[in-house]
Amino acid sequence: MGTAQPRPLDPAVEYALIEPWLGPAGQPAFYRQIAQGDQRDTDEIEPLYRRISAPTLVVWGKDDPWIPAARAAELAERIPSARLELLPSAGHLVQEDRPDELVRLLREHLGERR
C-alpha cells in the first residue's frame, strides 16, 4: 500500500487496507486474487466502452504511481461524453488523499443527474 500514494498513508488506514490479506487465510487469498488478474478481462470489455450511454465521471489521482493518469485519459476518451477529473496530489487511493474533493465531484455529478 505504501507505493500507491504520493505520501505515506496514516498507519491505521494502511493497516485497515491490508488487514484482510494477513494471516494464514488472508495471504493465500491475496495471492489467488493476484493470480486471477488478467489483462484479457479488460481487453474483452474495452470495445464496449463506446456503447456506454450513462453520464460518466472518471476521477483519478494525478500522481497515481500504480496506474498513470494517462490511462484515465484513455478511459475517458473511450466512453462517449465522459468527464475526466484528475486530482492533483492524489495517488491510487483518491478517497484517502482527496476525500473532500472526491465527495464534491460525486455530489456534483450525481446531483446533475437527478
N, C-alpha and C. Protein backbone atom coordinates (compact mmCIF):
# COMPACT_ATOMS: atom_id res chain seq x y z
N MET A 1 0.82 -1.18 0.00
CA MET A 1 0.00 0.00 0.00
C MET A 1 0.86 1.25 0.00
N GLY A 2 2.02 1.14 0.58
CA GLY A 2 2.89 2.30 0.67
C GLY A 2 3.31 2.86 -0.67
N THR A 3 3.27 2.05 -1.71
CA THR A 3 3.67 2.53 -3.03
C THR A 3 2.51 3.08 -3.83
N ALA A 4 1.31 3.06 -3.28
CA ALA A 4 0.12 3.50 -4.01
C ALA A 4 -0.10 5.00 -3.95
N GLN A 5 0.60 5.66 -3.06
CA GLN A 5 0.33 7.06 -2.77
C GLN A 5 1.57 7.93 -2.92
N PRO A 6 1.35 9.21 -3.22
CA PRO A 6 2.50 10.11 -3.27
C PRO A 6 3.05 10.44 -1.88
N ARG A 7 2.22 10.25 -0.84
CA ARG A 7 2.64 10.46 0.55
C ARG A 7 2.25 9.23 1.36
N PRO A 8 2.91 9.00 2.47
CA PRO A 8 2.54 7.84 3.30
C PRO A 8 1.10 7.93 3.81
N LEU A 9 0.47 6.78 3.88
CA LEU A 9 -0.87 6.70 4.46
C LEU A 9 -0.78 6.77 5.98
N ASP A 10 -1.86 7.19 6.59
CA ASP A 10 -1.97 7.09 8.04
C ASP A 10 -1.80 5.61 8.39
N PRO A 11 -1.00 5.26 9.39
CA PRO A 11 -0.77 3.85 9.71
C PRO A 11 -2.05 3.05 9.99
N ALA A 12 -3.04 3.66 10.63
CA ALA A 12 -4.30 2.96 10.91
C ALA A 12 -5.05 2.66 9.61
N VAL A 13 -5.02 3.59 8.68
CA VAL A 13 -5.69 3.38 7.39
C VAL A 13 -4.97 2.29 6.61
N GLU A 14 -3.65 2.36 6.58
CA GLU A 14 -2.89 1.35 5.86
C GLU A 14 -3.16 -0.04 6.44
N TYR A 15 -3.18 -0.15 7.76
CA TYR A 15 -3.45 -1.44 8.37
C TYR A 15 -4.85 -1.94 8.01
N ALA A 16 -5.83 -1.05 8.03
CA ALA A 16 -7.20 -1.45 7.69
C ALA A 16 -7.28 -1.98 6.26
N LEU A 17 -6.47 -1.42 5.37
CA LEU A 17 -6.48 -1.86 3.98
C LEU A 17 -5.79 -3.21 3.78
N ILE A 18 -4.74 -3.46 4.55
CA ILE A 18 -4.00 -4.72 4.34
C ILE A 18 -4.46 -5.84 5.27
N GLU A 19 -5.16 -5.50 6.32
CA GLU A 19 -5.53 -6.49 7.34
C GLU A 19 -6.24 -7.72 6.77
N PRO A 20 -7.16 -7.57 5.80
CA PRO A 20 -7.82 -8.77 5.26
C PRO A 20 -6.86 -9.75 4.60
N TRP A 21 -5.69 -9.28 4.21
CA TRP A 21 -4.75 -10.13 3.49
C TRP A 21 -3.67 -10.72 4.39
N LEU A 22 -3.77 -10.49 5.68
CA LEU A 22 -2.79 -11.01 6.62
C LEU A 22 -3.23 -12.36 7.16
N GLY A 23 -2.31 -13.10 7.70
CA GLY A 23 -2.63 -14.36 8.37
C GLY A 23 -2.72 -15.54 7.42
N PRO A 24 -2.99 -16.71 7.99
CA PRO A 24 -2.97 -17.95 7.19
C PRO A 24 -4.08 -18.04 6.15
N ALA A 25 -5.21 -17.39 6.37
CA ALA A 25 -6.27 -17.41 5.35
C ALA A 25 -6.10 -16.25 4.37
N GLY A 26 -5.67 -15.09 4.87
CA GLY A 26 -5.59 -13.90 4.04
C GLY A 26 -4.48 -13.92 3.01
N GLN A 27 -3.32 -14.42 3.39
CA GLN A 27 -2.20 -14.40 2.45
C GLN A 27 -2.45 -15.26 1.21
N PRO A 28 -2.91 -16.50 1.37
CA PRO A 28 -3.21 -17.28 0.15
C PRO A 28 -4.32 -16.65 -0.68
N ALA A 29 -5.30 -16.03 0.01
CA ALA A 29 -6.39 -15.37 -0.72
C ALA A 29 -5.84 -14.21 -1.55
N PHE A 30 -4.91 -13.47 -0.98
CA PHE A 30 -4.28 -12.36 -1.71
C PHE A 30 -3.60 -12.87 -2.97
N TYR A 31 -2.82 -13.93 -2.84
CA TYR A 31 -2.10 -14.45 -4.00
C TYR A 31 -3.05 -15.05 -5.03
N ARG A 32 -4.15 -15.64 -4.59
CA ARG A 32 -5.15 -16.15 -5.54
C ARG A 32 -5.75 -14.98 -6.32
N GLN A 33 -6.04 -13.90 -5.62
CA GLN A 33 -6.62 -12.73 -6.29
C GLN A 33 -5.64 -12.18 -7.33
N ILE A 34 -4.38 -12.05 -6.98
CA ILE A 34 -3.38 -11.54 -7.91
C ILE A 34 -3.25 -12.46 -9.12
N ALA A 35 -3.24 -13.76 -8.87
CA ALA A 35 -3.09 -14.73 -9.96
C ALA A 35 -4.28 -14.69 -10.91
N GLN A 36 -5.44 -14.32 -10.41
CA GLN A 36 -6.64 -14.29 -11.26
C GLN A 36 -6.72 -13.03 -12.12
N GLY A 37 -5.96 -12.01 -11.77
CA GLY A 37 -5.97 -10.79 -12.56
C GLY A 37 -5.39 -11.05 -13.94
N ASP A 38 -6.12 -10.66 -14.96
CA ASP A 38 -5.68 -10.95 -16.32
C ASP A 38 -6.06 -9.78 -17.23
N GLN A 39 -5.11 -9.26 -17.94
CA GLN A 39 -5.35 -8.14 -18.86
C GLN A 39 -6.41 -8.51 -19.90
N ARG A 40 -6.54 -9.77 -20.22
CA ARG A 40 -7.54 -10.18 -21.21
C ARG A 40 -8.94 -9.82 -20.77
N ASP A 41 -9.20 -9.83 -19.45
CA ASP A 41 -10.53 -9.47 -18.96
C ASP A 41 -10.86 -8.02 -19.35
N THR A 42 -9.89 -7.14 -19.20
CA THR A 42 -10.08 -5.75 -19.59
C THR A 42 -10.17 -5.63 -21.10
N ASP A 43 -9.30 -6.31 -21.81
CA ASP A 43 -9.29 -6.25 -23.27
C ASP A 43 -10.64 -6.66 -23.85
N GLU A 44 -11.30 -7.63 -23.24
CA GLU A 44 -12.58 -8.11 -23.74
C GLU A 44 -13.69 -7.07 -23.64
N ILE A 45 -13.66 -6.25 -22.62
CA ILE A 45 -14.75 -5.28 -22.45
C ILE A 45 -14.45 -3.90 -23.03
N GLU A 46 -13.19 -3.60 -23.30
CA GLU A 46 -12.86 -2.27 -23.83
C GLU A 46 -13.67 -1.87 -25.05
N PRO A 47 -13.93 -2.76 -26.00
CA PRO A 47 -14.74 -2.34 -27.16
C PRO A 47 -16.17 -1.93 -26.79
N LEU A 48 -16.62 -2.34 -25.63
CA LEU A 48 -17.98 -1.99 -25.20
C LEU A 48 -18.07 -0.60 -24.57
N TYR A 49 -16.94 -0.01 -24.21
CA TYR A 49 -16.97 1.30 -23.57
C TYR A 49 -17.70 2.32 -24.43
N ARG A 50 -17.54 2.25 -25.75
CA ARG A 50 -18.16 3.24 -26.62
C ARG A 50 -19.68 3.15 -26.62
N ARG A 51 -20.22 2.06 -26.07
CA ARG A 51 -21.67 1.88 -26.01
C ARG A 51 -22.27 2.42 -24.70
N ILE A 52 -21.44 2.89 -23.81
CA ILE A 52 -21.94 3.42 -22.54
C ILE A 52 -22.69 4.72 -22.82
N SER A 53 -23.94 4.76 -22.38
CA SER A 53 -24.75 5.96 -22.61
C SER A 53 -25.02 6.72 -21.31
N ALA A 54 -24.72 6.12 -20.20
CA ALA A 54 -24.93 6.80 -18.91
C ALA A 54 -23.89 7.89 -18.73
N PRO A 55 -24.29 9.01 -18.14
CA PRO A 55 -23.30 10.04 -17.83
C PRO A 55 -22.20 9.45 -16.96
N THR A 56 -20.97 9.69 -17.34
CA THR A 56 -19.85 9.03 -16.69
C THR A 56 -18.82 10.05 -16.22
N LEU A 57 -18.41 9.88 -14.98
CA LEU A 57 -17.37 10.70 -14.39
C LEU A 57 -16.20 9.78 -14.06
N VAL A 58 -15.03 10.10 -14.59
CA VAL A 58 -13.81 9.35 -14.30
C VAL A 58 -12.98 10.24 -13.37
N VAL A 59 -12.76 9.77 -12.15
CA VAL A 59 -11.95 10.52 -11.18
C VAL A 59 -10.68 9.71 -10.95
N TRP A 60 -9.53 10.41 -11.03
CA TRP A 60 -8.24 9.71 -10.98
C TRP A 60 -7.24 10.57 -10.23
N GLY A 61 -6.37 9.92 -9.49
CA GLY A 61 -5.28 10.64 -8.86
C GLY A 61 -4.21 11.00 -9.89
N LYS A 62 -3.93 12.27 -10.01
CA LYS A 62 -2.94 12.73 -10.99
C LYS A 62 -1.57 12.13 -10.72
N ASP A 63 -1.29 11.83 -9.46
CA ASP A 63 0.02 11.29 -9.08
C ASP A 63 -0.04 9.80 -8.74
N ASP A 64 -0.97 9.07 -9.38
CA ASP A 64 -1.11 7.64 -9.13
C ASP A 64 0.12 6.90 -9.65
N PRO A 65 0.92 6.31 -8.75
CA PRO A 65 2.12 5.60 -9.20
C PRO A 65 1.82 4.19 -9.74
N TRP A 66 0.65 3.67 -9.47
CA TRP A 66 0.31 2.32 -9.93
C TRP A 66 -0.27 2.32 -11.34
N ILE A 67 -1.23 3.21 -11.58
CA ILE A 67 -1.84 3.31 -12.90
C ILE A 67 -1.78 4.79 -13.30
N PRO A 68 -0.94 5.14 -14.23
CA PRO A 68 -0.72 6.55 -14.56
C PRO A 68 -1.98 7.25 -15.05
N ALA A 69 -2.01 8.55 -14.84
CA ALA A 69 -3.15 9.37 -15.24
C ALA A 69 -3.42 9.29 -16.74
N ALA A 70 -2.42 8.98 -17.52
CA ALA A 70 -2.64 8.83 -18.97
C ALA A 70 -3.65 7.73 -19.26
N ARG A 71 -3.68 6.71 -18.42
CA ARG A 71 -4.68 5.63 -18.60
C ARG A 71 -6.08 6.15 -18.32
N ALA A 72 -6.21 7.09 -17.39
CA ALA A 72 -7.52 7.69 -17.11
C ALA A 72 -8.00 8.47 -18.33
N ALA A 73 -7.08 9.19 -18.95
CA ALA A 73 -7.44 9.95 -20.15
C ALA A 73 -7.89 9.01 -21.27
N GLU A 74 -7.19 7.90 -21.42
CA GLU A 74 -7.57 6.92 -22.44
C GLU A 74 -8.96 6.35 -22.15
N LEU A 75 -9.21 6.04 -20.88
CA LEU A 75 -10.52 5.51 -20.50
C LEU A 75 -11.62 6.52 -20.79
N ALA A 76 -11.43 7.74 -20.37
CA ALA A 76 -12.44 8.78 -20.58
C ALA A 76 -12.68 9.02 -22.08
N GLU A 77 -11.63 8.93 -22.89
CA GLU A 77 -11.79 9.10 -24.34
C GLU A 77 -12.65 8.02 -24.95
N ARG A 78 -12.60 6.83 -24.41
CA ARG A 78 -13.34 5.69 -24.98
C ARG A 78 -14.81 5.70 -24.59
N ILE A 79 -15.17 6.45 -23.57
CA ILE A 79 -16.56 6.50 -23.12
C ILE A 79 -17.17 7.80 -23.62
N PRO A 80 -18.20 7.70 -24.46
CA PRO A 80 -18.81 8.92 -25.01
C PRO A 80 -19.25 9.88 -23.90
N SER A 81 -18.90 11.11 -24.06
CA SER A 81 -19.30 12.19 -23.14
C SER A 81 -18.79 12.01 -21.71
N ALA A 82 -17.79 11.17 -21.52
CA ALA A 82 -17.24 11.02 -20.16
C ALA A 82 -16.50 12.30 -19.78
N ARG A 83 -16.56 12.61 -18.51
CA ARG A 83 -15.83 13.75 -17.97
C ARG A 83 -14.70 13.22 -17.11
N LEU A 84 -13.51 13.74 -17.32
CA LEU A 84 -12.33 13.31 -16.57
C LEU A 84 -11.94 14.39 -15.58
N GLU A 85 -11.73 13.97 -14.34
CA GLU A 85 -11.23 14.86 -13.30
C GLU A 85 -9.97 14.23 -12.72
N LEU A 86 -8.84 14.89 -12.94
CA LEU A 86 -7.57 14.45 -12.35
C LEU A 86 -7.34 15.26 -11.09
N LEU A 87 -7.17 14.57 -9.98
CA LEU A 87 -6.99 15.26 -8.71
C LEU A 87 -5.50 15.39 -8.39
N PRO A 88 -5.01 16.64 -8.34
CA PRO A 88 -3.60 16.85 -8.00
C PRO A 88 -3.29 16.35 -6.60
N SER A 89 -2.09 15.94 -6.40
CA SER A 89 -1.61 15.45 -5.09
C SER A 89 -2.39 14.24 -4.61
N ALA A 90 -2.96 13.48 -5.54
CA ALA A 90 -3.68 12.26 -5.18
C ALA A 90 -3.03 11.08 -5.90
N GLY A 91 -2.99 9.95 -5.20
CA GLY A 91 -2.44 8.74 -5.78
C GLY A 91 -3.54 7.76 -6.15
N HIS A 92 -3.26 6.49 -5.99
CA HIS A 92 -4.19 5.43 -6.37
C HIS A 92 -5.42 5.41 -5.47
N LEU A 93 -5.26 5.81 -4.26
CA LEU A 93 -6.38 5.81 -3.30
C LEU A 93 -6.89 7.24 -3.14
N VAL A 94 -7.55 7.72 -4.17
CA VAL A 94 -8.06 9.09 -4.19
C VAL A 94 -8.89 9.38 -2.95
N GLN A 95 -9.67 8.41 -2.52
CA GLN A 95 -10.55 8.61 -1.37
C GLN A 95 -9.76 8.88 -0.08
N GLU A 96 -8.51 8.52 -0.04
CA GLU A 96 -7.67 8.80 1.12
C GLU A 96 -6.93 10.13 0.98
N ASP A 97 -6.50 10.43 -0.25
CA ASP A 97 -5.71 11.65 -0.48
C ASP A 97 -6.57 12.90 -0.59
N ARG A 98 -7.71 12.78 -1.24
CA ARG A 98 -8.53 13.96 -1.51
C ARG A 98 -10.01 13.66 -1.26
N PRO A 99 -10.36 13.21 -0.05
CA PRO A 99 -11.75 12.81 0.20
C PRO A 99 -12.77 13.92 -0.01
N ASP A 100 -12.46 15.13 0.42
CA ASP A 100 -13.42 16.23 0.27
C ASP A 100 -13.66 16.57 -1.20
N GLU A 101 -12.60 16.57 -1.97
CA GLU A 101 -12.73 16.87 -3.40
C GLU A 101 -13.49 15.75 -4.11
N LEU A 102 -13.24 14.51 -3.74
CA LEU A 102 -13.95 13.38 -4.33
C LEU A 102 -15.44 13.48 -4.03
N VAL A 103 -15.79 13.76 -2.79
CA VAL A 103 -17.20 13.89 -2.42
C VAL A 103 -17.85 15.04 -3.19
N ARG A 104 -17.15 16.16 -3.30
CA ARG A 104 -17.69 17.30 -4.04
C ARG A 104 -17.98 16.92 -5.50
N LEU A 105 -17.03 16.25 -6.14
CA LEU A 105 -17.21 15.85 -7.53
C LEU A 105 -18.36 14.86 -7.69
N LEU A 106 -18.45 13.90 -6.77
CA LEU A 106 -19.53 12.92 -6.85
C LEU A 106 -20.90 13.57 -6.63
N ARG A 107 -20.97 14.46 -5.67
CA ARG A 107 -22.25 15.15 -5.42
C ARG A 107 -22.64 15.98 -6.64
N GLU A 108 -21.67 16.68 -7.19
CA GLU A 108 -21.93 17.50 -8.37
C GLU A 108 -22.41 16.61 -9.53
N HIS A 109 -21.69 15.52 -9.77
CA HIS A 109 -22.04 14.63 -10.87
C HIS A 109 -23.41 13.98 -10.66
N LEU A 110 -23.64 13.46 -9.47
CA LEU A 110 -24.92 12.79 -9.20
C LEU A 110 -26.06 13.79 -9.09
N GLY A 111 -25.78 14.96 -8.57
CA GLY A 111 -26.81 15.99 -8.47
C GLY A 111 -27.30 16.45 -9.83
N GLU A 112 -26.39 16.50 -10.80
CA GLU A 112 -26.76 16.89 -12.17
C GLU A 112 -27.69 15.87 -12.79
N ARG A 113 -27.68 14.64 -12.31
CA ARG A 113 -28.42 13.55 -12.94
C ARG A 113 -29.83 13.36 -12.36
N ARG A 114 -30.15 14.10 -11.32
CA ARG A 114 -31.48 13.92 -10.70
C ARG A 114 -32.58 14.46 -11.56
